[in-house]
Each structure stands twice: as C-alpha cells, then as structure tokens.
Amino acid sequence: MWDFEITRPALVLGSRQSTSIINHHACDERGIDVVTRRSGGGLMLLVPGEHLWLDVVIGADDPLWSNDVQTSMTWLGEIWQRAFAEVGVTDTQVASGGLVADELGQLVCFAGRGPGEVMDRNGSTKYVGISQRRTRDQARFQCTAYMRWSARALEELLSEPVTDVTRLESMVGLVPVSPRVLAARVFELISELD
C-alpha cells in the first residue's frame, strides 16, 4: 500500500483522452502540469493538499484476487465504505456492474461510475474513484478521494465550457476529515484482512 502526496498541481487526462480538450495557456499560467495516465477514463484535477491518493497492490495469489475485472475492486470499495462510515459518511454504496458514463462522465472521472467505487445512495455523487492496472501477476488499485473540489476551476482549464458545470460541482463528494486520518483507517482495515 502506498499513500501518495501530490507535490505539484496537475491536470491528468484519462488514457483515451486527447490533449486538444485542454486550454494549455490557462494551465501554463497557473503552473499546472498536463499529463496522461495509463488507466481510467476521465480528467482529474490534482492539487496539493486537496486529495487523498492511495495505491493498493495485490498479487494474483492473494485471496482477494479476482479474474473478473468488474468485481475485482468490490472488496476495496467496501473497505473505503467502512472507513467513510466511521468518519460520519454513512449514506453510501459500492458501485457494481459495468462502467456508467454519460458525456460528462466521459470527460471527468468523478462524473462517471465504475465497479468498486464509493458513491452516495442514489449513485450521483462519487466519494472514491478507483482505477486498476493489471498484469498476470498483480493488480494495482489507484484510489482517489477529494478534500476540496471546484468544477469551475477545472472548467477554466478546458478548451471548451462544461455542458453542466453546476451538475458537475455536485458529483464529487468530499472527505470530511483529515486525509491522514482516513488513510490510516483504510490501511488498518486492509491489514485486518490478512
């Protein structure tokens, strides 16, 4: 398990997104790096002090391993859900089934829903985004939760306006406690599985 701290602001494109959707001048003015990740579908704006980012790696011989990529993250989503409940966010669910992403969800990661991710009860607000990278030997689950979020700040970095920035603003659930407190609890819950 790794707990990452973001040291520079970055606008992170999903693996299939083109840099043409970015306002590079606005990113340069604000000192925001533009990078592309190898996993995940939509954009993420990562700013120091505004996220909790944990990676969890399991081997193919781990009892938590699943060959089914649609269910392989469920156990981790349940861990996050328990940790959120312990800090007062109780009205959540762990998403199941396939990816769900309308036009906004294809643009912005937290506007879509994937299996294992922690959502509110009606599935419209995401608390934890999870992507995974797999090889035959291991799976790496990359998890992010937001402490602060501004859809308008993201929109300012795009080459075109977001179709429904008000809706996008409400699609990201925020962590109500210190990221270190939540990270420690997630790590404890995972270690209890051993």
C-alpha atoms as a PDB file:
ATOM      1  CA  MET A   1       0.000   0.000   0.000  1.00  0.00           C
ATOM      2  CA  TRP A   2       1.200   3.483  -0.808  1.00  0.00           C
ATOM      3  CA  ASP A   3      -0.045   6.853   0.378  1.00  0.00           C
ATOM      4  CA  PHE A   4       0.921   9.495  -2.187  1.00  0.00           C
ATOM      5  CA  GLU A   5       1.074  13.232  -1.660  1.00  0.00           C
ATOM      6  CA  ILE A   6       0.691  15.465  -4.672  1.00  0.00           C
ATOM      7  CA  THR A   7       3.540  17.977  -4.822  1.00  0.00           C
ATOM      8  CA  ARG A   8       2.576  19.940  -7.956  1.00  0.00           C
ATOM      9  CA  PRO A   9      -0.814  20.673  -9.479  1.00  0.00           C
ATOM     10  CA  ALA A  10      -1.616  18.503 -12.480  1.00  0.00           C
ATOM     11  CA  LEU A  11      -4.457  18.051 -14.907  1.00  0.00           C
ATOM     12  CA  VAL A  12      -4.481  14.330 -15.583  1.00  0.00           C
ATOM     13  CA  LEU A  13      -6.097  13.014 -18.739  1.00  0.00           C
ATOM     14  CA  GLY A  14      -7.544   9.540 -18.963  1.00  0.00           C
ATOM     15  CA  SER A  15      -5.785   7.033 -21.185  1.00  0.00           C
ATOM     16  CA  ARG A  16      -8.067   7.690 -24.177  1.00  0.00           C
ATOM     17  CA  GLN A  17      -8.392  11.467 -23.942  1.00  0.00           C
ATOM     18  CA  SER A  18      -6.763  13.922 -26.332  1.00  0.00           C
ATOM     19  CA  THR A  19      -4.803  16.950 -25.153  1.00  0.00           C
ATOM     20  CA  SER A  20      -6.965  19.008 -27.539  1.00  0.00           C
ATOM     21  CA  ILE A  21      -9.596  19.300 -24.782  1.00  0.00           C
ATOM     22  CA  ILE A  22      -7.126  21.258 -22.627  1.00  0.00           C
ATOM     23  CA  ASN A  23      -6.581  25.013 -22.539  1.00  0.00           C
ATOM     24  CA  HIS A  24      -2.800  24.750 -22.383  1.00  0.00           C
ATOM     25  CA  HIS A  25      -2.342  28.507 -21.961  1.00  0.00           C
ATOM     26  CA  ALA A  26      -4.535  28.502 -18.827  1.00  0.00           C
ATOM     27  CA  CYS A  27      -2.632  25.507 -17.425  1.00  0.00           C
ATOM     28  CA  ASP A  28       0.730  27.174 -18.111  1.00  0.00           C
ATOM     29  CA  GLU A  29      -0.394  30.428 -16.452  1.00  0.00           C
ATOM     30  CA  ARG A  30      -1.413  28.538 -13.300  1.00  0.00           C
ATOM     31  CA  GLY A  31       1.638  26.260 -13.213  1.00  0.00           C
ATOM     32  CA  ILE A  32      -0.460  23.156 -13.804  1.00  0.00           C
ATOM     33  CA  ASP A  33       1.235  20.202 -15.476  1.00  0.00           C
ATOM     34  CA  VAL A  34      -0.755  18.292 -18.099  1.00  0.00           C
ATOM     35  CA  VAL A  35      -0.139  14.541 -18.027  1.00  0.00           C
ATOM     36  CA  THR A  36      -1.850  11.394 -19.279  1.00  0.00           C
ATOM     37  CA  ARG A  37      -2.374   8.329 -17.110  1.00  0.00           C
ATOM     38  CA  ARG A  38      -2.455   4.774 -18.354  1.00  0.00           C
ATOM     39  CA  SER A  39      -5.697   3.930 -16.599  1.00  0.00           C
ATOM     40  CA  GLY A  40      -9.065   5.486 -16.010  1.00  0.00           C
ATOM     41  CA  GLY A  41     -11.384   7.261 -18.353  1.00  0.00           C
ATOM     42  CA  GLY A  42     -11.823  10.920 -17.477  1.00  0.00           C
ATOM     43  CA  LEU A  43      -9.935  14.011 -16.383  1.00  0.00           C
ATOM     44  CA  MET A  44      -8.773  14.614 -12.851  1.00  0.00           C
ATOM     45  CA  LEU A  45      -7.512  17.909 -11.464  1.00  0.00           C
ATOM     46  CA  LEU A  46      -4.994  17.096  -8.734  1.00  0.00           C
ATOM     47  CA  VAL A  47      -3.838  19.900  -6.451  1.00  0.00           C
ATOM     48  CA  PRO A  48      -1.517  19.583  -3.428  1.00  0.00           C
ATOM     49  CA  GLY A  49      -3.475  19.272  -0.183  1.00  0.00           C
ATOM     50  CA  GLU A  50      -6.816  18.654  -1.899  1.00  0.00           C
ATOM     51  CA  HIS A  51      -6.767  14.855  -2.303  1.00  0.00           C
ATOM     52  CA  LEU A  52      -6.174  11.559  -0.663  1.00  0.00           C
ATOM     53  CA  TRP A  53      -4.426   9.207  -3.076  1.00  0.00           C
ATOM     54  CA  LEU A  54      -3.750   5.606  -2.063  1.00  0.00           C
ATOM     55  CA  ASP A  55      -2.498   2.736  -4.203  1.00  0.00           C
ATOM     56  CA  VAL A  56      -3.058  -0.858  -3.145  1.00  0.00           C
ATOM     57  CA  VAL A  57      -1.298  -3.778  -4.838  1.00  0.00           C
ATOM     58  CA  ILE A  58      -2.266  -7.438  -4.551  1.00  0.00           C
ATOM     59  CA  GLY A  59      -0.669 -10.468  -6.147  1.00  0.00           C
ATOM     60  CA  ALA A  60      -2.502 -12.999  -8.275  1.00  0.00           C
ATOM     61  CA  ASP A  61      -2.074 -15.489  -5.422  1.00  0.00           C
ATOM     62  CA  ASP A  62      -3.871 -13.203  -2.936  1.00  0.00           C
ATOM     63  CA  PRO A  63      -7.302 -14.469  -1.785  1.00  0.00           C
ATOM     64  CA  LEU A  64      -8.695 -11.019  -2.709  1.00  0.00           C
ATOM     65  CA  TRP A  65      -7.685 -11.503  -6.362  1.00  0.00           C
ATOM     66  CA  SER A  66     -10.481 -11.876  -8.893  1.00  0.00           C
ATOM     67  CA  ASN A  67     -10.108 -12.577 -12.593  1.00  0.00           C
ATOM     68  CA  ASP A  68     -13.356 -10.683 -13.175  1.00  0.00           C
ATOM     69  CA  VAL A  69     -12.359  -7.033 -13.602  1.00  0.00           C
ATOM     70  CA  GLN A  70     -15.939  -5.910 -12.861  1.00  0.00           C
ATOM     71  CA  THR A  71     -15.867  -7.426  -9.382  1.00  0.00           C
ATOM     72  CA  SER A  72     -12.150  -7.230  -8.615  1.00  0.00           C
ATOM     73  CA  MET A  73     -12.417  -3.835  -6.878  1.00  0.00           C
ATOM     74  CA  THR A  74     -15.528  -4.556  -4.801  1.00  0.00           C
ATOM     75  CA  TRP A  75     -13.620  -5.615  -1.679  1.00  0.00           C
ATOM     76  CA  LEU A  76     -11.580  -2.407  -1.775  1.00  0.00           C
ATOM     77  CA  GLY A  77     -14.691  -0.273  -2.262  1.00  0.00           C
ATOM     78  CA  GLU A  78     -16.203  -1.974   0.793  1.00  0.00           C
ATOM     79  CA  ILE A  79     -13.085  -1.078   2.819  1.00  0.00           C
ATOM     80  CA  TRP A  80     -13.418   2.569   1.757  1.00  0.00           C
ATOM     81  CA  GLN A  81     -17.144   2.496   2.526  1.00  0.00           C
ATOM     82  CA  ARG A  82     -16.441   1.253   6.072  1.00  0.00           C
ATOM     83  CA  ALA A  83     -13.769   3.918   6.588  1.00  0.00           C
ATOM     84  CA  PHE A  84     -16.152   6.641   5.392  1.00  0.00           C
ATOM     85  CA  ALA A  85     -18.899   5.348   7.696  1.00  0.00           C
ATOM     86  CA  GLU A  86     -16.513   5.622  10.645  1.00  0.00           C
ATOM     87  CA  VAL A  87     -15.981   9.325   9.892  1.00  0.00           C
ATOM     88  CA  GLY A  88     -19.699  10.044   9.527  1.00  0.00           C
ATOM     89  CA  VAL A  89     -20.406   9.497   5.817  1.00  0.00           C
ATOM     90  CA  THR A  90     -22.909   6.655   6.059  1.00  0.00           C
ATOM     91  CA  ASP A  91     -25.342   7.048   3.173  1.00  0.00           C
ATOM     92  CA  THR A  92     -23.110   5.350   0.588  1.00  0.00           C
ATOM     93  CA  GLN A  93     -22.996   2.345  -1.688  1.00  0.00           C
ATOM     94  CA  VAL A  94     -20.286   0.447  -3.534  1.00  0.00           C
ATOM     95  CA  ALA A  95     -20.991   0.613  -7.254  1.00  0.00           C
ATOM     96  CA  SER A  96     -21.381  -2.653  -9.127  1.00  0.00           C
ATOM     97  CA  GLY A  97     -21.840  -3.661 -12.734  1.00  0.00           C
ATOM     98  CA  GLY A  98     -20.078  -2.016 -15.639  1.00  0.00           C
ATOM     99  CA  LEU A  99     -18.840   1.494 -16.173  1.00  0.00           C
ATOM    100  CA  VAL A 100     -21.521   4.193 -16.325  1.00  0.00           C
ATOM    101  CA  ALA A 101     -20.505   7.433 -18.010  1.00  0.00           C
ATOM    102  CA  ASP A 102     -22.623   9.917 -19.912  1.00  0.00           C
ATOM    103  CA  GLU A 103     -20.945  12.755 -21.841  1.00  0.00           C
ATOM    104  CA  LEU A 104     -19.903  14.461 -18.603  1.00  0.00           C
ATOM    105  CA  GLY A 105     -18.652  11.170 -17.153  1.00  0.00           C
ATOM    106  CA  GLN A 106     -16.528  10.561 -20.227  1.00  0.00           C
ATOM    107  CA  LEU A 107     -14.954  13.984 -19.741  1.00  0.00           C
ATOM    108  CA  VAL A 108     -14.396  13.957 -15.950  1.00  0.00           C
ATOM    109  CA  CYS A 109     -13.511  10.855 -13.933  1.00  0.00           C
ATOM    110  CA  PHE A 110     -15.641  11.674 -10.897  1.00  0.00           C
ATOM    111  CA  ALA A 111     -18.716  12.303 -13.075  1.00  0.00           C
ATOM    112  CA  GLY A 112     -18.818   8.622 -14.043  1.00  0.00           C
ATOM    113  CA  ARG A 113     -19.237   5.451 -12.020  1.00  0.00           C
ATOM    114  CA  GLY A 114     -17.234   2.238 -12.090  1.00  0.00           C
ATOM    115  CA  PRO A 115     -17.413  -1.017 -10.168  1.00  0.00           C
ATOM    116  CA  GLY A 116     -15.992  -0.809  -6.652  1.00  0.00           C
ATOM    117  CA  GLU A 117     -16.204   2.979  -6.448  1.00  0.00           C
ATOM    118  CA  VAL A 118     -17.902   4.540  -3.432  1.00  0.00           C
ATOM    119  CA  MET A 119     -20.986   6.566  -4.339  1.00  0.00           C
ATOM    120  CA  ASP A 120     -23.846   8.164  -2.465  1.00  0.00           C
ATOM    121  CA  ARG A 121     -27.042   6.073  -2.190  1.00  0.00           C
ATOM    122  CA  ASN A 122     -28.576   7.372  -5.421  1.00  0.00           C
ATOM    123  CA  GLY A 123     -25.336   6.975  -7.378  1.00  0.00           C
ATOM    124  CA  SER A 124     -24.999  10.625  -8.366  1.00  0.00           C
ATOM    125  CA  THR A 125     -22.053  11.662  -6.148  1.00  0.00           C
ATOM    126  CA  LYS A 126     -18.696   9.852  -6.073  1.00  0.00           C
ATOM    127  CA  TYR A 127     -16.619   9.767  -2.891  1.00  0.00           C
ATOM    128  CA  VAL A 128     -13.836   7.429  -4.019  1.00  0.00           C
ATOM    129  CA  GLY A 129     -12.634   6.811  -7.548  1.00  0.00           C
ATOM    130  CA  ILE A 130     -10.750   3.576  -8.198  1.00  0.00           C
ATOM    131  CA  SER A 131      -8.887   2.545 -11.317  1.00  0.00           C
ATOM    132  CA  GLN A 132      -6.810  -0.549 -11.778  1.00  0.00           C
ATOM    133  CA  ARG A 133      -3.780  -1.683 -13.706  1.00  0.00           C
ATOM    134  CA  ARG A 134      -3.385  -5.423 -14.082  1.00  0.00           C
ATOM    135  CA  THR A 135      -0.758  -7.878 -15.163  1.00  0.00           C
ATOM    136  CA  ARG A 136      -0.849 -11.637 -14.907  1.00  0.00           C
ATOM    137  CA  ASP A 137       0.981 -11.368 -11.602  1.00  0.00           C
ATOM    138  CA  GLN A 138      -0.633  -8.438  -9.797  1.00  0.00           C
ATOM    139  CA  ALA A 139      -3.326  -5.783  -9.706  1.00  0.00           C
ATOM    140  CA  ARG A 140      -2.661  -2.194  -8.680  1.00  0.00           C
ATOM    141  CA  PHE A 141      -5.695  -0.257  -7.500  1.00  0.00           C
ATOM    142  CA  GLN A 142      -5.291   3.519  -7.652  1.00  0.00           C
ATOM    143  CA  CYS A 143      -7.733   5.265  -5.304  1.00  0.00           C
ATOM    144  CA  THR A 144      -8.506   8.964  -5.005  1.00  0.00           C
ATOM    145  CA  ALA A 145     -10.835  10.948  -2.760  1.00  0.00           C
ATOM    146  CA  TYR A 146     -11.237  14.730  -2.821  1.00  0.00           C
ATOM    147  CA  MET A 147     -10.915  17.057   0.175  1.00  0.00           C
ATOM    148  CA  ARG A 148     -11.801  20.101  -1.917  1.00  0.00           C
ATOM    149  CA  TRP A 149     -13.365  20.331  -5.348  1.00  0.00           C
ATOM    150  CA  SER A 150     -14.240  23.087  -7.786  1.00  0.00           C
ATOM    151  CA  ALA A 151     -15.856  22.215 -11.093  1.00  0.00           C
ATOM    152  CA  ARG A 152     -15.377  25.818 -12.192  1.00  0.00           C
ATOM    153  CA  ALA A 153     -11.618  25.634 -11.554  1.00  0.00           C
ATOM    154  CA  LEU A 154     -11.500  22.553 -13.772  1.00  0.00           C
ATOM    155  CA  GLU A 155     -13.642  24.201 -16.436  1.00  0.00           C
ATOM    156  CA  GLU A 156     -11.186  27.123 -16.653  1.00  0.00           C
ATOM    157  CA  LEU A 157      -8.513  24.644 -17.776  1.00  0.00           C
ATOM    158  CA  LEU A 158     -10.535  23.192 -20.644  1.00  0.00           C
ATOM    159  CA  SER A 159     -10.667  24.341 -24.241  1.00  0.00           C
ATOM    160  CA  GLU A 160     -14.497  24.403 -24.158  1.00  0.00           C
ATOM    161  CA  PRO A 161     -17.052  25.037 -21.393  1.00  0.00           C
ATOM    162  CA  VAL A 162     -18.501  22.092 -19.479  1.00  0.00           C
ATOM    163  CA  THR A 163     -22.095  21.405 -20.548  1.00  0.00           C
ATOM    164  CA  ASP A 164     -23.453  21.398 -16.987  1.00  0.00           C
ATOM    165  CA  VAL A 165     -20.897  22.772 -14.539  1.00  0.00           C
ATOM    166  CA  THR A 166     -23.496  23.055 -11.744  1.00  0.00           C
ATOM    167  CA  ARG A 167     -24.282  19.339 -12.000  1.00  0.00           C
ATOM    168  CA  LEU A 168     -20.563  18.533 -12.159  1.00  0.00           C
ATOM    169  CA  GLU A 169     -19.985  20.510  -8.955  1.00  0.00           C
ATOM    170  CA  SER A 170     -22.414  18.211  -7.100  1.00  0.00           C
ATOM    171  CA  MET A 171     -20.956  14.965  -8.451  1.00  0.00           C
ATOM    172  CA  VAL A 172     -17.897  14.935  -6.176  1.00  0.00           C
ATOM    173  CA  GLY A 173     -18.316  14.015  -2.515  1.00  0.00           C
ATOM    174  CA  LEU A 174     -15.730  15.458  -0.156  1.00  0.00           C
ATOM    175  CA  VAL A 175     -13.813  13.739   2.643  1.00  0.00           C
ATOM    176  CA  PRO A 176     -14.943  15.404   5.902  1.00  0.00           C
ATOM    177  CA  VAL A 177     -11.783  14.663   7.935  1.00  0.00           C
ATOM    178  CA  SER A 178      -8.018  14.887   7.649  1.00  0.00           C
ATOM    179  CA  PRO A 179      -6.755  12.759   4.772  1.00  0.00           C
ATOM    180  CA  ARG A 180      -4.196  11.185   7.126  1.00  0.00           C
ATOM    181  CA  VAL A 181      -6.982  10.003   9.462  1.00  0.00           C
ATOM    182  CA  LEU A 182      -8.895   8.383   6.618  1.00  0.00           C
ATOM    183  CA  ALA A 183      -5.744   6.881   5.048  1.00  0.00           C
ATOM    184  CA  ALA A 184      -4.717   5.344   8.372  1.00  0.00           C
ATOM    185  CA  ARG A 185      -8.147   3.768   8.776  1.00  0.00           C
ATOM    186  CA  VAL A 186      -8.162   2.365   5.236  1.00  0.00           C
ATOM    187  CA  PHE A 187      -4.724   0.836   5.851  1.00  0.00           C
ATOM    188  CA  GLU A 188      -5.881  -0.646   9.178  1.00  0.00           C
ATOM    189  CA  LEU A 189      -8.966  -2.190   7.597  1.00  0.00           C
ATOM    190  CA  ILE A 190      -6.912  -3.699   4.775  1.00  0.00           C
ATOM    191  CA  SER A 191      -4.328  -5.118   7.201  1.00  0.00           C
ATOM    192  CA  GLU A 192      -7.158  -6.754   9.176  1.00  0.00           C
ATOM    193  CA  LEU A 193      -7.944  -8.827   6.063  1.00  0.00           C
ATOM    194  CA  ASP A 194      -4.582 -10.640   6.282  1.00  0.00           C
END
